[in-house]
Amino acid sequence: MIVCAHADCKKHGRDRYGNQRYRCLLCGKTWIDRAPKPLGDMLLDHSRAVMCLKLMLEGASLRSIERLTGVSRNTLAGLLLLVGERCRLYWLAKMRKLPAKEVQVDELWGFVGCKEKTRKVLDRSQDFGDAYCYLAIERETKLVLAYHVGKRDVWDTHEFTHKLRLATSGQFMVTTDGYTPYCIAVPENLHDRGIQFAQLIKIFGKQGGSAESRYSPAPIKSIRKKAMWGNLDLDRACTSHCERLNLSLRMSIRRLTRLTNGFSKSWRHHEAALALWLTWYNFGRVHMTLRTTPAVAAGIADSPWIVERMLDELATQV
C-alpha cells in the first residue's frame, strides 16, 4: 500500500513475515506491499492446497483426501470454508445483470446432520435437516445464474427468485417444476421484466412395494406443461438441463452422494462446498457440449480457469 504521492521509491528490506518493504526517496516514508494471499493466513503449502481442492471438486471425501495427501481433515475443512466463502463473495460481485434467454429452475435435495424427520424428533435447530439447493441455469450457455441453499418453503423460494432477479437482466423465459410457491415468487420478483413463465408438472405413479424399488424414483405417468405468465411457446418449456446439472452435483460433491455417511455435518461447510463447486462449474469446468466453460460461452470470462487461477481471482475480491 503506497502512503505518499511520489513515484520515486526503492526496496527497503522485508518485514518479519517476508513482505517486501519500500521507501520513498523524496519524503522517506516506508510502506509494505501486501499482495492478496490466495490462502489467507493458512500455513498449508500452495501446491498441496491446489491438489486438495482438485480432489474435492472431483467428489473425494475429506477423509479420503486426508489419506491421499496427508493433510489433516481439520485443515481441509478450514480450506473448504476459506475458499467457499470467497467463492460466495466472488459470485455476489460477478454474477450480476447477465443477459438470458431461457432459464430453467429446479431444487436439489440434501441434508445436514440428519434428515428432516429425524431433526423434528430430536428437536434440533433449523441448521440441521433438509438443505435444498435451488438452481437456475441458462439453457444455451449452461451458465448457473443463481443458487440458494435453504429449506423448501415459501421464504427460501422468494429469497432464491430475488437472487435470480439480481443475476439477470432483460426479458427471458423461465421454467420451473410444479412447486406451488413459484406461482407467487416468480411473478412477484420478475413481473416488471416482462418475463415468460411456465411450469412443467410431472405426474408420478405409485412406487413398487419390493425391497429393490425402495430407493428408486416413482415412475412418471405423464408430464403437463402450464403457461403461468406471458405469451410463450410451451414446446420450449423444459427443466431437463437443470436436472442434468443436479446429477453433476451429486456425482462431483461427496456430501451429496446418496446412501452414504459422507453427508454434511455443518451447514457452513455444506454451503461452502456448493459455492466452491458451482463457481468451478461456471469458470473452470469445461462443458462437454460447449467445449468450453459456461462463463466463456456467456462472455464473462476470457478463458477457462485452472484451480491456481481460481485462487488468485478469489483473493482479489477479499
C-alpha atoms as a PDB file:
ATOM      1  CA  MET A   1       0.000   0.000   0.000  1.00  0.00           C
ATOM      2  CA  ILE A   2       1.580   3.320  -1.122  1.00  0.00           C
ATOM      3  CA  VAL A   3       1.301   6.088   1.523  1.00  0.00           C
ATOM      4  CA  CYS A   4       2.664   9.038  -0.493  1.00  0.00           C
ATOM      5  CA  ALA A   5       2.130  10.505  -3.960  1.00  0.00           C
ATOM      6  CA  HIS A   6       5.770  10.348  -5.089  1.00  0.00           C
ATOM      7  CA  ALA A   7       6.841   7.957  -7.815  1.00  0.00           C
ATOM      8  CA  ASP A   8      10.493   7.513  -6.822  1.00  0.00           C
ATOM      9  CA  CYS A   9      10.983   4.628  -4.390  1.00  0.00           C
ATOM     10  CA  LYS A  10      13.231   1.655  -3.774  1.00  0.00           C
ATOM     11  CA  LYS A  11      13.110  -1.636  -1.934  1.00  0.00           C
ATOM     12  CA  HIS A  12      13.711  -1.326   1.785  1.00  0.00           C
ATOM     13  CA  GLY A  13      14.082  -4.861   3.137  1.00  0.00           C
ATOM     14  CA  ARG A  14      11.290  -7.136   4.346  1.00  0.00           C
ATOM     15  CA  ASP A  15       9.173  -7.394   7.469  1.00  0.00           C
ATOM     16  CA  ARG A  16       9.096 -10.366   9.835  1.00  0.00           C
ATOM     17  CA  TYR A  17       6.538 -12.150   7.628  1.00  0.00           C
ATOM     18  CA  GLY A  18       8.597 -11.796   4.440  1.00  0.00           C
ATOM     19  CA  ASN A  19       6.512  -8.970   2.912  1.00  0.00           C
ATOM     20  CA  GLN A  20       8.506  -6.558   0.732  1.00  0.00           C
ATOM     21  CA  ARG A  21       9.060  -3.085   2.217  1.00  0.00           C
ATOM     22  CA  TYR A  22       9.546   0.083   0.124  1.00  0.00           C
ATOM     23  CA  ARG A  23      10.944   3.536   0.941  1.00  0.00           C
ATOM     24  CA  CYS A  24      10.186   6.834  -0.823  1.00  0.00           C
ATOM     25  CA  LEU A  25      13.412   8.567  -1.985  1.00  0.00           C
ATOM     26  CA  LEU A  26      11.863  12.020  -1.607  1.00  0.00           C
ATOM     27  CA  CYS A  27       9.961  12.027   1.685  1.00  0.00           C
ATOM     28  CA  GLY A  28      11.470   8.968   3.370  1.00  0.00           C
ATOM     29  CA  LYS A  29       8.127   7.259   4.132  1.00  0.00           C
ATOM     30  CA  THR A  30       8.076   3.466   4.115  1.00  0.00           C
ATOM     31  CA  TRP A  31       5.288   1.003   3.388  1.00  0.00           C
ATOM     32  CA  ILE A  32       4.664  -2.677   2.833  1.00  0.00           C
ATOM     33  CA  ASP A  33       3.370  -4.106  -0.410  1.00  0.00           C
ATOM     34  CA  ARG A  34       0.866  -6.687   0.786  1.00  0.00           C
ATOM     35  CA  ALA A  35      -0.277  -8.658  -2.225  1.00  0.00           C
ATOM     36  CA  PRO A  36      -3.520 -10.660  -1.917  1.00  0.00           C
ATOM     37  CA  LYS A  37      -2.867 -14.065  -0.361  1.00  0.00           C
ATOM     38  CA  PRO A  38      -4.605 -16.929  -2.179  1.00  0.00           C
ATOM     39  CA  LEU A  39      -4.799 -18.943   1.061  1.00  0.00           C
ATOM     40  CA  GLY A  40      -5.106 -16.095   3.533  1.00  0.00           C
ATOM     41  CA  ASP A  41      -3.244 -16.856   6.765  1.00  0.00           C
ATOM     42  CA  MET A  42      -3.247 -20.626   6.249  1.00  0.00           C
ATOM     43  CA  LEU A  43       0.171 -22.264   6.524  1.00  0.00           C
ATOM     44  CA  LEU A  44      -0.746 -25.022   4.068  1.00  0.00           C
ATOM     45  CA  ASP A  45       1.632 -25.335   1.120  1.00  0.00           C
ATOM     46  CA  HIS A  46       0.096 -23.812  -2.009  1.00  0.00           C
ATOM     47  CA  SER A  47       0.683 -26.833  -4.260  1.00  0.00           C
ATOM     48  CA  ARG A  48      -0.842 -29.205  -1.678  1.00  0.00           C
ATOM     49  CA  ALA A  49      -3.827 -26.903  -1.270  1.00  0.00           C
ATOM     50  CA  VAL A  50      -4.372 -26.962  -5.044  1.00  0.00           C
ATOM     51  CA  MET A  51      -4.257 -30.766  -5.053  1.00  0.00           C
ATOM     52  CA  CYS A  52      -6.717 -30.950  -2.146  1.00  0.00           C
ATOM     53  CA  LEU A  53      -9.151 -28.630  -3.923  1.00  0.00           C
ATOM     54  CA  LYS A  54      -8.904 -30.659  -7.123  1.00  0.00           C
ATOM     55  CA  LEU A  55      -9.800 -33.793  -5.176  1.00  0.00           C
ATOM     56  CA  MET A  56     -12.750 -32.034  -3.506  1.00  0.00           C
ATOM     57  CA  LEU A  57     -14.023 -30.886  -6.893  1.00  0.00           C
ATOM     58  CA  GLU A  58     -13.834 -34.449  -8.221  1.00  0.00           C
ATOM     59  CA  GLY A  59     -16.001 -35.838  -5.419  1.00  0.00           C
ATOM     60  CA  ALA A  60     -13.455 -37.172  -2.925  1.00  0.00           C
ATOM     61  CA  SER A  61     -14.414 -37.077   0.754  1.00  0.00           C
ATOM     62  CA  LEU A  62     -12.339 -35.170   3.303  1.00  0.00           C
ATOM     63  CA  ARG A  63     -11.168 -38.396   4.959  1.00  0.00           C
ATOM     64  CA  SER A  64     -10.055 -39.900   1.647  1.00  0.00           C
ATOM     65  CA  ILE A  65      -8.204 -36.657   0.788  1.00  0.00           C
ATOM     66  CA  GLU A  66      -6.541 -36.847   4.200  1.00  0.00           C
ATOM     67  CA  ARG A  67      -5.335 -40.378   3.436  1.00  0.00           C
ATOM     68  CA  LEU A  68      -4.122 -39.428  -0.059  1.00  0.00           C
ATOM     69  CA  THR A  69      -2.346 -36.167   0.775  1.00  0.00           C
ATOM     70  CA  GLY A  70      -1.516 -36.400   4.469  1.00  0.00           C
ATOM     71  CA  VAL A  71      -3.299 -33.085   5.138  1.00  0.00           C
ATOM     72  CA  SER A  72      -5.375 -33.113   8.327  1.00  0.00           C
ATOM     73  CA  ARG A  73      -9.126 -33.150   7.742  1.00  0.00           C
ATOM     74  CA  ASN A  74      -9.428 -30.182  10.127  1.00  0.00           C
ATOM     75  CA  THR A  75      -7.104 -28.261   7.795  1.00  0.00           C
ATOM     76  CA  LEU A  76      -9.144 -29.455   4.829  1.00  0.00           C
ATOM     77  CA  ALA A  77     -12.354 -28.268   6.476  1.00  0.00           C
ATOM     78  CA  GLY A  78     -10.755 -24.870   7.078  1.00  0.00           C
ATOM     79  CA  LEU A  79      -9.572 -24.719   3.467  1.00  0.00           C
ATOM     80  CA  LEU A  80     -13.091 -25.520   2.271  1.00  0.00           C
ATOM     81  CA  LEU A  81     -14.589 -22.753   4.419  1.00  0.00           C
ATOM     82  CA  LEU A  82     -11.984 -20.217   3.282  1.00  0.00           C
ATOM     83  CA  VAL A  83     -12.286 -20.869  -0.459  1.00  0.00           C
ATOM     84  CA  GLY A  84     -16.047 -21.496  -0.305  1.00  0.00           C
ATOM     85  CA  GLU A  85     -16.685 -18.153   1.390  1.00  0.00           C
ATOM     86  CA  ARG A  86     -14.502 -16.377  -1.171  1.00  0.00           C
ATOM     87  CA  CYS A  87     -16.449 -18.111  -3.939  1.00  0.00           C
ATOM     88  CA  ARG A  88     -19.686 -16.809  -2.437  1.00  0.00           C
ATOM     89  CA  LEU A  89     -18.347 -13.239  -2.326  1.00  0.00           C
ATOM     90  CA  TYR A  90     -16.980 -13.528  -5.875  1.00  0.00           C
ATOM     91  CA  TRP A  91     -20.367 -14.814  -7.052  1.00  0.00           C
ATOM     92  CA  LEU A  92     -22.155 -11.844  -5.495  1.00  0.00           C
ATOM     93  CA  ALA A  93     -19.782  -9.444  -7.263  1.00  0.00           C
ATOM     94  CA  LYS A  94     -19.589 -11.162 -10.662  1.00  0.00           C
ATOM     95  CA  MET A  95     -22.986 -12.736 -11.309  1.00  0.00           C
ATOM     96  CA  ARG A  96     -24.977  -9.560 -11.804  1.00  0.00           C
ATOM     97  CA  LYS A  97     -27.335  -8.355 -14.571  1.00  0.00           C
ATOM     98  CA  LEU A  98     -26.427 -11.078 -17.042  1.00  0.00           C
ATOM     99  CA  PRO A  99     -28.467 -11.483 -20.254  1.00  0.00           C
ATOM    100  CA  ALA A 100     -30.516 -14.663 -20.501  1.00  0.00           C
ATOM    101  CA  LYS A 101     -32.953 -16.209 -22.975  1.00  0.00           C
ATOM    102  CA  GLU A 102     -34.284 -19.395 -21.392  1.00  0.00           C
ATOM    103  CA  VAL A 103     -33.822 -20.114 -17.688  1.00  0.00           C
ATOM    104  CA  GLN A 104     -34.573 -23.448 -16.048  1.00  0.00           C
ATOM    105  CA  VAL A 105     -35.130 -23.776 -12.307  1.00  0.00           C
ATOM    106  CA  ASP A 106     -35.026 -26.828 -10.058  1.00  0.00           C
ATOM    107  CA  GLU A 107     -34.216 -27.820  -6.473  1.00  0.00           C
ATOM    108  CA  LEU A 108     -31.664 -30.400  -5.325  1.00  0.00           C
ATOM    109  CA  TRP A 109     -32.333 -32.179  -2.043  1.00  0.00           C
ATOM    110  CA  GLY A 110     -29.643 -32.680   0.560  1.00  0.00           C
ATOM    111  CA  PHE A 111     -29.416 -32.703   4.327  1.00  0.00           C
ATOM    112  CA  VAL A 112     -27.131 -31.591   7.134  1.00  0.00           C
ATOM    113  CA  GLY A 113     -26.508 -33.751  10.191  1.00  0.00           C
ATOM    114  CA  CYS A 114     -29.721 -35.751   9.881  1.00  0.00           C
ATOM    115  CA  LYS A 115     -32.826 -35.945   7.743  1.00  0.00           C
ATOM    116  CA  GLU A 116     -35.754 -33.629   8.391  1.00  0.00           C
ATOM    117  CA  LYS A 117     -37.995 -36.149  10.128  1.00  0.00           C
ATOM    118  CA  THR A 118     -35.156 -37.055  12.499  1.00  0.00           C
ATOM    119  CA  ARG A 119     -34.467 -33.369  13.166  1.00  0.00           C
ATOM    120  CA  LYS A 120     -38.058 -32.888  14.279  1.00  0.00           C
ATOM    121  CA  VAL A 121     -37.952 -35.945  16.543  1.00  0.00           C
ATOM    122  CA  LEU A 122     -34.698 -34.761  18.148  1.00  0.00           C
ATOM    123  CA  ASP A 123     -35.953 -31.142  18.247  1.00  0.00           C
ATOM    124  CA  ARG A 124     -32.765 -29.837  16.662  1.00  0.00           C
ATOM    125  CA  SER A 125     -32.351 -26.350  15.178  1.00  0.00           C
ATOM    126  CA  GLN A 126     -33.015 -25.323  11.565  1.00  0.00           C
ATOM    127  CA  ASP A 127     -29.264 -25.620  10.907  1.00  0.00           C
ATOM    128  CA  PHE A 128     -29.896 -29.352  10.579  1.00  0.00           C
ATOM    129  CA  GLY A 129     -32.211 -31.428   8.444  1.00  0.00           C
ATOM    130  CA  ASP A 130     -33.203 -30.724   4.842  1.00  0.00           C
ATOM    131  CA  ALA A 131     -30.886 -28.392   2.914  1.00  0.00           C
ATOM    132  CA  TYR A 132     -32.249 -27.791  -0.574  1.00  0.00           C
ATOM    133  CA  CYS A 133     -30.116 -26.110  -3.229  1.00  0.00           C
ATOM    134  CA  TYR A 134     -32.227 -24.001  -5.578  1.00  0.00           C
ATOM    135  CA  LEU A 135     -30.601 -23.700  -9.009  1.00  0.00           C
ATOM    136  CA  ALA A 136     -31.221 -21.561 -12.092  1.00  0.00           C
ATOM    137  CA  ILE A 137     -29.366 -22.430 -15.309  1.00  0.00           C
ATOM    138  CA  GLU A 138     -29.364 -20.728 -18.711  1.00  0.00           C
ATOM    139  CA  ARG A 139     -30.312 -23.224 -21.382  1.00  0.00           C
ATOM    140  CA  GLU A 140     -27.923 -22.174 -24.173  1.00  0.00           C
ATOM    141  CA  THR A 141     -24.766 -21.240 -22.267  1.00  0.00           C
ATOM    142  CA  LYS A 142     -25.322 -23.765 -19.400  1.00  0.00           C
ATOM    143  CA  LEU A 143     -24.358 -20.942 -17.026  1.00  0.00           C
ATOM    144  CA  VAL A 144     -25.638 -21.244 -13.460  1.00  0.00           C
ATOM    145  CA  LEU A 145     -27.134 -17.798 -12.916  1.00  0.00           C
ATOM    146  CA  ALA A 146     -28.196 -18.100  -9.294  1.00  0.00           C
ATOM    147  CA  TYR A 147     -28.338 -20.591  -6.449  1.00  0.00           C
ATOM    148  CA  HIS A 148     -29.641 -20.601  -2.897  1.00  0.00           C
ATOM    149  CA  VAL A 149     -29.248 -23.073  -0.024  1.00  0.00           C
ATOM    150  CA  GLY A 150     -32.174 -23.310   2.357  1.00  0.00           C
ATOM    151  CA  LYS A 151     -35.365 -25.113   3.244  1.00  0.00           C
ATOM    152  CA  ARG A 152     -38.021 -25.952   0.687  1.00  0.00           C
ATOM    153  CA  ASP A 153     -40.522 -23.369   1.842  1.00  0.00           C
ATOM    154  CA  VAL A 154     -42.112 -20.091   0.785  1.00  0.00           C
ATOM    155  CA  TRP A 155     -39.467 -17.813   2.340  1.00  0.00           C
ATOM    156  CA  ASP A 156     -36.474 -19.530   0.722  1.00  0.00           C
ATOM    157  CA  THR A 157     -38.283 -19.720  -2.619  1.00  0.00           C
ATOM    158  CA  HIS A 158     -38.743 -15.930  -2.542  1.00  0.00           C
ATOM    159  CA  GLU A 159     -35.112 -15.467  -1.493  1.00  0.00           C
ATOM    160  CA  PHE A 160     -33.940 -17.571  -4.436  1.00  0.00           C
ATOM    161  CA  THR A 161     -36.105 -15.779  -7.014  1.00  0.00           C
ATOM    162  CA  HIS A 162     -34.820 -12.444  -5.676  1.00  0.00           C
ATOM    163  CA  LYS A 163     -31.256 -13.668  -6.295  1.00  0.00           C
ATOM    164  CA  LEU A 164     -32.314 -14.681  -9.801  1.00  0.00           C
ATOM    165  CA  ARG A 165     -33.634 -11.161 -10.364  1.00  0.00           C
ATOM    166  CA  LEU A 166     -30.310  -9.616  -9.325  1.00  0.00           C
ATOM    167  CA  ALA A 167     -28.350 -12.013 -11.551  1.00  0.00           C
ATOM    168  CA  THR A 168     -30.318 -11.389 -14.754  1.00  0.00           C
ATOM    169  CA  SER A 169     -31.330  -8.533 -16.993  1.00  0.00           C
ATOM    170  CA  GLY A 170     -33.921  -8.038 -19.715  1.00  0.00           C
ATOM    171  CA  GLN A 171     -36.692 -10.393 -20.741  1.00  0.00           C
ATOM    172  CA  PHE A 172     -36.403 -14.164 -20.717  1.00  0.00           C
ATOM    173  CA  MET A 173     -38.429 -17.330 -20.340  1.00  0.00           C
ATOM    174  CA  VAL A 174     -38.282 -19.212 -17.051  1.00  0.00           C
ATOM    175  CA  THR A 175     -39.485 -22.771 -16.483  1.00  0.00           C
ATOM    176  CA  THR A 176     -39.892 -24.299 -13.025  1.00  0.00           C
ATOM    177  CA  ASP A 177     -41.263 -27.550 -11.689  1.00  0.00           C
ATOM    178  CA  GLY A 178     -44.727 -27.735 -10.165  1.00  0.00           C
ATOM    179  CA  TYR A 179     -43.720 -26.442  -6.713  1.00  0.00           C
ATOM    180  CA  THR A 180     -46.590 -24.130  -5.683  1.00  0.00           C
ATOM    181  CA  PRO A 181     -44.608 -21.199  -4.121  1.00  0.00           C
ATOM    182  CA  TYR A 182     -43.070 -20.466  -7.539  1.00  0.00           C
ATOM    183  CA  CYS A 183     -46.540 -19.350  -8.708  1.00  0.00           C
ATOM    184  CA  ILE A 184     -46.248 -16.315  -6.421  1.00  0.00           C
ATOM    185  CA  ALA A 185     -42.470 -15.856  -6.013  1.00  0.00           C
ATOM    186  CA  VAL A 186     -41.576 -15.709  -9.727  1.00  0.00           C
ATOM    187  CA  PRO A 187     -44.170 -13.077 -10.787  1.00  0.00           C
ATOM    188  CA  GLU A 188     -43.590 -11.063  -7.604  1.00  0.00           C
ATOM    189  CA  ASN A 189     -39.835 -10.732  -8.187  1.00  0.00           C
ATOM    190  CA  LEU A 190     -39.753 -10.665 -12.003  1.00  0.00           C
ATOM    191  CA  HIS A 191     -43.107  -9.252 -13.109  1.00  0.00           C
ATOM    192  CA  ASP A 192     -41.633  -5.925 -14.269  1.00  0.00           C
ATOM    193  CA  ARG A 193     -39.174  -7.663 -16.610  1.00  0.00           C
ATOM    194  CA  GLY A 194     -41.860  -8.875 -18.986  1.00  0.00           C
ATOM    195  CA  ILE A 195     -40.760 -12.478 -18.425  1.00  0.00           C
ATOM    196  CA  GLN A 196     -42.496 -15.565 -19.757  1.00  0.00           C
ATOM    197  CA  PHE A 197     -43.209 -18.073 -17.013  1.00  0.00           C
ATOM    198  CA  ALA A 198     -44.147 -21.734 -17.416  1.00  0.00           C
ATOM    199  CA  GLN A 199     -44.351 -24.721 -15.090  1.00  0.00           C
ATOM    200  CA  LEU A 200     -43.546 -28.294 -16.053  1.00  0.00           C
ATOM    201  CA  ILE A 201     -45.555 -30.587 -13.804  1.00  0.00           C
ATOM    202  CA  LYS A 202     -44.685 -34.282 -13.571  1.00  0.00           C
ATOM    203  CA  ILE A 203     -47.376 -36.744 -12.505  1.00  0.00           C
ATOM    204  CA  PHE A 204     -45.856 -39.719 -10.704  1.00  0.00           C
ATOM    205  CA  GLY A 205     -47.333 -43.172 -10.319  1.00  0.00           C
ATOM    206  CA  LYS A 206     -47.207 -45.460  -7.327  1.00  0.00           C
ATOM    207  CA  GLN A 207     -43.857 -46.831  -6.277  1.00  0.00           C
ATOM    208  CA  GLY A 208     -43.423 -50.587  -6.161  1.00  0.00           C
ATOM    209  CA  GLY A 209     -43.528 -52.326  -2.788  1.00  0.00           C
ATOM    210  CA  SER A 210     -40.492 -54.540  -3.302  1.00  0.00           C
ATOM    211  CA  ALA A 211     -37.207 -54.017  -1.469  1.00  0.00           C
ATOM    212  CA  GLU A 212     -35.430 -53.368  -4.775  1.00  0.00           C
ATOM    213  CA  SER A 213     -37.679 -50.393  -5.549  1.00  0.00           C
ATOM    214  CA  ARG A 214     -37.379 -48.746  -2.113  1.00  0.00           C
ATOM    215  CA  TYR A 215     -34.731 -46.257  -3.230  1.00  0.00           C
ATOM    216  CA  SER A 216     -35.850 -45.974  -6.849  1.00  0.00           C
ATOM    217  CA  PRO A 217     -37.832 -42.961  -8.052  1.00  0.00           C
ATOM    218  CA  ALA A 218     -41.527 -43.429  -8.688  1.00  0.00           C
ATOM    219  CA  PRO A 219     -42.431 -43.896 -12.374  1.00  0.00           C
ATOM    220  CA  ILE A 220     -43.596 -40.811 -14.277  1.00  0.00           C
ATOM    221  CA  LYS A 221     -47.116 -41.302 -15.623  1.00  0.00           C
ATOM    222  CA  SER A 222     -47.403 -38.030 -17.522  1.00  0.00           C
ATOM    223  CA  ILE A 223     -45.959 -34.534 -17.926  1.00  0.00           C
ATOM    224  CA  ARG A 224     -48.119 -31.427 -18.073  1.00  0.00           C
ATOM    225  CA  LYS A 225     -46.902 -28.009 -19.220  1.00  0.00           C
ATOM    226  CA  LYS A 226     -48.724 -24.999 -17.856  1.00  0.00           C
ATOM    227  CA  ALA A 227     -48.390 -21.395 -19.068  1.00  0.00           C
ATOM    228  CA  MET A 228     -48.327 -19.150 -15.988  1.00  0.00           C
ATOM    229  CA  TRP A 229     -47.355 -15.708 -17.294  1.00  0.00           C
ATOM    230  CA  GLY A 230     -46.775 -14.081 -20.655  1.00  0.00           C
ATOM    231  CA  ASN A 231     -47.122 -15.188 -24.246  1.00  0.00           C
ATOM    232  CA  LEU A 232     -44.783 -18.166 -24.567  1.00  0.00           C
ATOM    233  CA  ASP A 233     -44.071 -21.278 -26.593  1.00  0.00           C
ATOM    234  CA  LEU A 234     -44.835 -24.243 -24.343  1.00  0.00           C
ATOM    235  CA  ASP A 235     -42.770 -26.502 -26.584  1.00  0.00           C
ATOM    236  CA  ARG A 236     -39.693 -24.710 -25.181  1.00  0.00           C
ATOM    237  CA  ALA A 237     -40.729 -25.283 -21.563  1.00  0.00           C
ATOM    238  CA  CYS A 238     -38.128 -27.654 -20.162  1.00  0.00           C
ATOM    239  CA  THR A 239     -36.196 -28.454 -16.958  1.00  0.00           C
ATOM    240  CA  SER A 240     -34.029 -31.270 -18.333  1.00  0.00           C
ATOM    241  CA  HIS A 241     -30.791 -29.263 -18.418  1.00  0.00           C
ATOM    242  CA  CYS A 242     -31.197 -28.210 -14.789  1.00  0.00           C
ATOM    243  CA  GLU A 243     -31.971 -31.804 -13.789  1.00  0.00           C
ATOM    244  CA  ARG A 244     -28.804 -32.921 -15.592  1.00  0.00           C
ATOM    245  CA  LEU A 245     -26.911 -30.331 -13.558  1.00  0.00           C
ATOM    246  CA  ASN A 246     -28.325 -31.968 -10.420  1.00  0.00           C
ATOM    247  CA  LEU A 247     -26.702 -35.227 -11.490  1.00  0.00           C
ATOM    248  CA  SER A 248     -23.354 -33.497 -11.962  1.00  0.00           C
ATOM    249  CA  LEU A 249     -23.562 -32.087  -8.433  1.00  0.00           C
ATOM    250  CA  ARG A 250     -24.372 -35.480  -6.941  1.00  0.00           C
ATOM    251  CA  MET A 251     -21.511 -37.108  -8.848  1.00  0.00           C
ATOM    252  CA  SER A 252     -18.958 -34.386  -8.016  1.00  0.00           C
ATOM    253  CA  ILE A 253     -19.751 -33.448  -4.406  1.00  0.00           C
ATOM    254  CA  ARG A 254     -19.239 -36.278  -1.965  1.00  0.00           C
ATOM    255  CA  ARG A 255     -21.612 -34.855   0.644  1.00  0.00           C
ATOM    256  CA  LEU A 256     -24.477 -35.072  -1.877  1.00  0.00           C
ATOM    257  CA  THR A 257     -23.909 -38.742  -2.738  1.00  0.00           C
ATOM    258  CA  ARG A 258     -26.989 -40.697  -1.691  1.00  0.00           C
ATOM    259  CA  LEU A 259     -26.960 -43.541   0.870  1.00  0.00           C
ATOM    260  CA  THR A 260     -23.504 -42.853   2.323  1.00  0.00           C
ATOM    261  CA  ASN A 261     -22.180 -41.389   5.580  1.00  0.00           C
ATOM    262  CA  GLY A 262     -20.371 -38.615   3.690  1.00  0.00           C
ATOM    263  CA  PHE A 263     -23.224 -36.149   4.232  1.00  0.00           C
ATOM    264  CA  SER A 264     -22.558 -32.670   5.641  1.00  0.00           C
ATOM    265  CA  LYS A 265     -22.314 -32.301   9.408  1.00  0.00           C
ATOM    266  CA  SER A 266     -22.299 -28.481   9.334  1.00  0.00           C
ATOM    267  CA  TRP A 267     -24.492 -26.022   7.411  1.00  0.00           C
ATOM    268  CA  ARG A 268     -21.497 -23.698   6.839  1.00  0.00           C
ATOM    269  CA  HIS A 269     -19.453 -26.473   5.236  1.00  0.00           C
ATOM    270  CA  HIS A 270     -22.455 -27.544   3.141  1.00  0.00           C
ATOM    271  CA  GLU A 271     -22.895 -24.036   1.748  1.00  0.00           C
ATOM    272  CA  ALA A 272     -19.142 -23.659   1.205  1.00  0.00           C
ATOM    273  CA  ALA A 273     -18.935 -26.922  -0.747  1.00  0.00           C
ATOM    274  CA  LEU A 274     -21.787 -25.870  -3.047  1.00  0.00           C
ATOM    275  CA  ALA A 275     -20.348 -22.375  -3.577  1.00  0.00           C
ATOM    276  CA  LEU A 276     -16.940 -23.855  -4.425  1.00  0.00           C
ATOM    277  CA  TRP A 277     -18.253 -26.401  -6.916  1.00  0.00           C
ATOM    278  CA  LEU A 278     -20.739 -24.079  -8.636  1.00  0.00           C
ATOM    279  CA  THR A 279     -18.077 -21.393  -9.091  1.00  0.00           C
ATOM    280  CA  TRP A 280     -15.740 -24.014 -10.535  1.00  0.00           C
ATOM    281  CA  TYR A 281     -18.553 -25.300 -12.774  1.00  0.00           C
ATOM    282  CA  ASN A 282     -19.106 -21.838 -14.257  1.00  0.00           C
ATOM    283  CA  PHE A 283     -15.490 -20.757 -14.665  1.00  0.00           C
ATOM    284  CA  GLY A 284     -13.239 -23.824 -14.665  1.00  0.00           C
ATOM    285  CA  ARG A 285     -15.065 -26.998 -15.668  1.00  0.00           C
ATOM    286  CA  VAL A 286     -15.154 -27.499 -19.428  1.00  0.00           C
ATOM    287  CA  HIS A 287     -18.651 -28.495 -20.524  1.00  0.00           C
ATOM    288  CA  MET A 288     -18.633 -31.411 -22.948  1.00  0.00           C
ATOM    289  CA  THR A 289     -21.385 -29.905 -25.107  1.00  0.00           C
ATOM    290  CA  LEU A 290     -19.942 -26.394 -25.223  1.00  0.00           C
ATOM    291  CA  ARG A 291     -16.265 -27.470 -25.482  1.00  0.00           C
ATOM    292  CA  THR A 292     -15.536 -24.629 -23.092  1.00  0.00           C
ATOM    293  CA  THR A 293     -16.774 -23.341 -19.747  1.00  0.00           C
ATOM    294  CA  PRO A 294     -20.231 -21.768 -19.313  1.00  0.00           C
ATOM    295  CA  ALA A 295     -18.597 -18.476 -18.260  1.00  0.00           C
ATOM    296  CA  VAL A 296     -16.636 -18.278 -21.527  1.00  0.00           C
ATOM    297  CA  ALA A 297     -19.758 -19.197 -23.512  1.00  0.00           C
ATOM    298  CA  ALA A 298     -21.651 -16.410 -21.724  1.00  0.00           C
ATOM    299  CA  GLY A 299     -18.868 -13.890 -22.346  1.00  0.00           C
ATOM    300  CA  ILE A 300     -17.998 -13.157 -18.695  1.00  0.00           C
ATOM    301  CA  ALA A 301     -14.590 -14.886 -18.799  1.00  0.00           C
ATOM    302  CA  ASP A 302     -11.836 -14.848 -21.412  1.00  0.00           C
ATOM    303  CA  SER A 303     -10.636 -18.439 -20.956  1.00  0.00           C
ATOM    304  CA  PRO A 304     -11.241 -21.482 -18.738  1.00  0.00           C
ATOM    305  CA  TRP A 305      -9.737 -21.262 -15.256  1.00  0.00           C
ATOM    306  CA  ILE A 306      -7.374 -23.674 -13.605  1.00  0.00           C
ATOM    307  CA  VAL A 307      -7.512 -24.090  -9.825  1.00  0.00           C
ATOM    308  CA  GLU A 308      -4.426 -21.892  -9.348  1.00  0.00           C
ATOM    309  CA  ARG A 309      -6.073 -19.048 -11.263  1.00  0.00           C
ATOM    310  CA  MET A 310      -9.287 -19.528  -9.330  1.00  0.00           C
ATOM    311  CA  LEU A 311      -7.437 -18.993  -6.040  1.00  0.00           C
ATOM    312  CA  ASP A 312      -5.764 -15.841  -7.411  1.00  0.00           C
ATOM    313  CA  GLU A 313      -9.045 -14.440  -8.768  1.00  0.00           C
ATOM    314  CA  LEU A 314     -10.861 -15.110  -5.493  1.00  0.00           C
ATOM    315  CA  ALA A 315      -8.083 -13.435  -3.482  1.00  0.00           C
ATOM    316  CA  THR A 316      -8.595 -10.161  -5.343  1.00  0.00           C
ATOM    317  CA  GLN A 317     -12.177  -9.969  -4.042  1.00  0.00           C
ATOM    318  CA  VAL A 318     -11.156 -10.086  -0.371  1.00  0.00           C
END
